[in-house]
Amino acid sequence: MNNLSKMLVGLADAAAAAGAVGDEAVATGGAGDLIGMLLPMVLMFVIFYFLLIRPQRKKDKAAKAMLSALKVGDRICTIGGIYGTITNIKDDTIELSVGRDNVKLIFARWAIRNVEDIAIENDSEVLN
C-alpha cells in the first residue's frame, strides 16, 4: 500500500504541475485571444468607414454646397421631378417659374435635387 500511496501522490503532484502550466498558458494566451477578437472588429469598422460612411459624408457635403450656391435664374429639378427656373429665393423657400405660362410654384430649399447644366443654342429656344 505504501507504493500505491506514493504513486497517487506522484500523480496528484504531476496533475497540479500540469494545471499550473495550463493556467500560465491561459493567462498569456488570454491577451492574444483578446487581440485576436478585437482585430477583426477594428478591420470591419475601417472597411465600413471607407465603403459607407466616408462616401456618404462627401455626398452630403456636395449637396449642401449645391443648395447654398443656388441663385436666381438657375434651372433646377426638384425631388418630385419638376423642372423650373428660380425666380425668387427667401431663406429656406424657393419660387420657381414652371411651364410655358410661367406658373409660380414655391418649394422648400431641401426639395431641390440638382441644378441643370444647360446651354441655350438658339435665342428662340424657350426653357419653360
Protein backbone atom coordinates (compact mmCIF):
# COMPACT_ATOMS: atom_id res chain seq x y z
CA MET A 1 0.00 0.00 0.00
CA ASN A 2 2.85 2.27 0.55
CA ASN A 3 3.80 2.11 -3.12
CA LEU A 4 0.22 2.81 -4.14
CA SER A 5 0.11 5.88 -1.90
CA LYS A 6 3.36 7.17 -3.32
CA MET A 7 2.10 6.62 -6.88
CA LEU A 8 -1.15 8.52 -6.14
CA VAL A 9 0.74 11.40 -4.52
CA GLY A 10 3.09 11.49 -7.53
CA LEU A 11 0.14 11.61 -9.93
CA ALA A 12 -1.51 14.38 -7.89
CA ASP A 13 1.71 16.41 -7.93
CA ALA A 14 2.06 15.89 -11.70
CA ALA A 15 -1.57 16.97 -12.26
CA ALA A 16 -1.08 20.06 -10.11
CA ALA A 17 2.08 20.97 -12.00
CA ALA A 18 0.31 20.47 -15.33
CA GLY A 19 -2.58 22.62 -14.09
CA ALA A 20 -0.22 25.40 -13.10
CA VAL A 21 1.42 25.33 -16.52
CA GLY A 22 -2.01 25.33 -18.13
CA ASP A 23 -3.08 28.36 -16.07
CA GLU A 24 0.01 30.27 -17.19
CA ALA A 25 -0.76 29.37 -20.79
CA VAL A 26 -4.33 30.61 -20.40
CA ALA A 27 -3.14 33.83 -18.77
CA THR A 28 -0.68 34.63 -21.54
CA GLY A 29 -2.99 33.29 -24.26
CA GLY A 30 -5.84 35.48 -22.98
CA ALA A 31 -4.17 38.65 -24.24
CA GLY A 32 -3.57 37.03 -27.60
CA ASP A 33 -7.17 35.87 -27.74
CA LEU A 34 -8.38 39.38 -26.91
CA ILE A 35 -6.29 40.89 -29.70
CA GLY A 36 -7.47 38.13 -32.00
CA MET A 37 -11.09 39.05 -31.27
CA LEU A 38 -10.66 42.83 -31.48
CA LEU A 39 -8.62 42.90 -34.69
CA PRO A 40 -11.48 41.67 -36.96
CA MET A 41 -13.88 44.18 -35.38
CA VAL A 42 -11.46 47.05 -35.97
CA LEU A 43 -10.91 45.91 -39.55
CA MET A 44 -14.69 45.74 -40.16
CA PHE A 45 -15.11 49.29 -38.81
CA VAL A 46 -12.32 50.57 -41.09
CA ILE A 47 -13.91 48.85 -44.10
CA PHE A 48 -17.36 50.26 -43.25
CA TYR A 49 -15.86 53.72 -42.86
CA PHE A 50 -14.22 53.72 -46.28
CA LEU A 51 -17.07 51.97 -48.12
CA LEU A 52 -20.12 53.56 -46.48
CA ILE A 53 -19.53 56.45 -44.11
CA ARG A 54 -16.91 58.48 -45.99
CA PRO A 55 -18.68 58.45 -49.41
CA GLN A 56 -21.98 59.43 -47.77
CA ARG A 57 -20.33 62.37 -46.00
CA LYS A 58 -18.81 63.53 -49.29
CA LYS A 59 -22.21 63.27 -50.99
CA ASP A 60 -23.93 65.20 -48.18
CA LYS A 61 -21.25 67.90 -48.30
CA ALA A 62 -21.65 68.30 -52.08
CA ALA A 63 -25.45 68.52 -51.78
CA LYS A 64 -25.16 71.14 -49.04
CA ALA A 65 -22.76 73.18 -51.16
CA MET A 66 -25.12 72.94 -54.17
CA LEU A 67 -28.11 74.13 -52.11
CA SER A 68 -26.20 77.05 -50.64
CA ALA A 69 -24.98 78.13 -54.10
CA LEU A 70 -28.47 78.41 -55.66
CA LYS A 71 -29.20 81.74 -57.31
CA VAL A 72 -31.99 83.41 -59.26
CA GLY A 73 -32.02 82.23 -62.87
CA ASP A 74 -30.74 78.70 -62.18
CA ARG A 75 -32.58 75.91 -63.97
CA ILE A 76 -33.28 73.18 -61.39
CA CYS A 77 -35.01 69.84 -60.93
CA THR A 78 -36.95 69.11 -57.74
CA ILE A 79 -37.09 65.77 -55.94
CA GLY A 80 -40.58 65.37 -57.43
CA GLY A 81 -39.23 65.68 -60.98
CA ILE A 82 -40.48 69.21 -61.68
CA TYR A 83 -38.15 71.32 -63.83
CA GLY A 84 -38.22 75.06 -63.46
CA THR A 85 -36.25 78.30 -63.23
CA ILE A 86 -35.65 80.01 -59.90
CA THR A 87 -37.32 83.42 -59.80
CA ASN A 88 -37.02 84.27 -56.10
CA ILE A 89 -35.14 82.95 -53.05
CA LYS A 90 -36.16 83.62 -49.44
CA ASP A 91 -34.28 81.87 -46.61
CA ASP A 92 -35.50 78.26 -46.92
CA THR A 93 -38.09 78.72 -49.70
CA ILE A 94 -37.57 78.99 -53.43
CA GLU A 95 -40.03 80.27 -56.02
CA LEU A 96 -39.94 78.51 -59.38
CA SER A 97 -41.30 79.50 -62.73
CA VAL A 98 -42.62 76.38 -64.46
CA GLY A 99 -44.04 75.73 -67.93
CA ARG A 100 -44.84 77.99 -70.88
CA ASP A 101 -47.31 80.01 -68.81
CA ASN A 102 -44.64 80.68 -66.14
CA VAL A 103 -46.69 79.20 -63.32
CA LYS A 104 -45.20 80.17 -59.97
CA LEU A 105 -44.53 77.33 -57.50
CA ILE A 106 -42.96 77.61 -54.07
CA PHE A 107 -40.67 74.82 -52.80
CA ALA A 108 -38.53 74.24 -49.74
CA ARG A 109 -34.82 74.58 -50.44
CA TRP A 110 -34.19 70.95 -49.38
CA ALA A 111 -36.60 69.77 -52.12
CA ILE A 112 -34.13 70.70 -54.88
CA ARG A 113 -32.42 67.63 -56.35
CA ASN A 114 -29.91 69.27 -58.67
CA VAL A 115 -29.07 72.27 -60.80
CA GLU A 116 -29.33 71.55 -64.52
CA ASP A 117 -26.36 72.45 -66.68
CA ILE A 118 -27.92 73.58 -69.94
CA ALA A 119 -26.70 75.74 -72.75
CA ILE A 120 -29.12 77.66 -74.95
CA GLU A 121 -28.17 77.13 -78.58
CA ASN A 122 -30.92 79.29 -80.10
CA ASP A 123 -32.24 82.59 -78.89
CA SER A 124 -35.68 81.36 -79.88
CA GLU A 125 -35.45 78.26 -77.68
CA VAL A 126 -37.69 78.52 -74.63
CA LEU A 127 -36.68 76.78 -71.42
CA ASN A 128 -40.03 76.80 -69.62
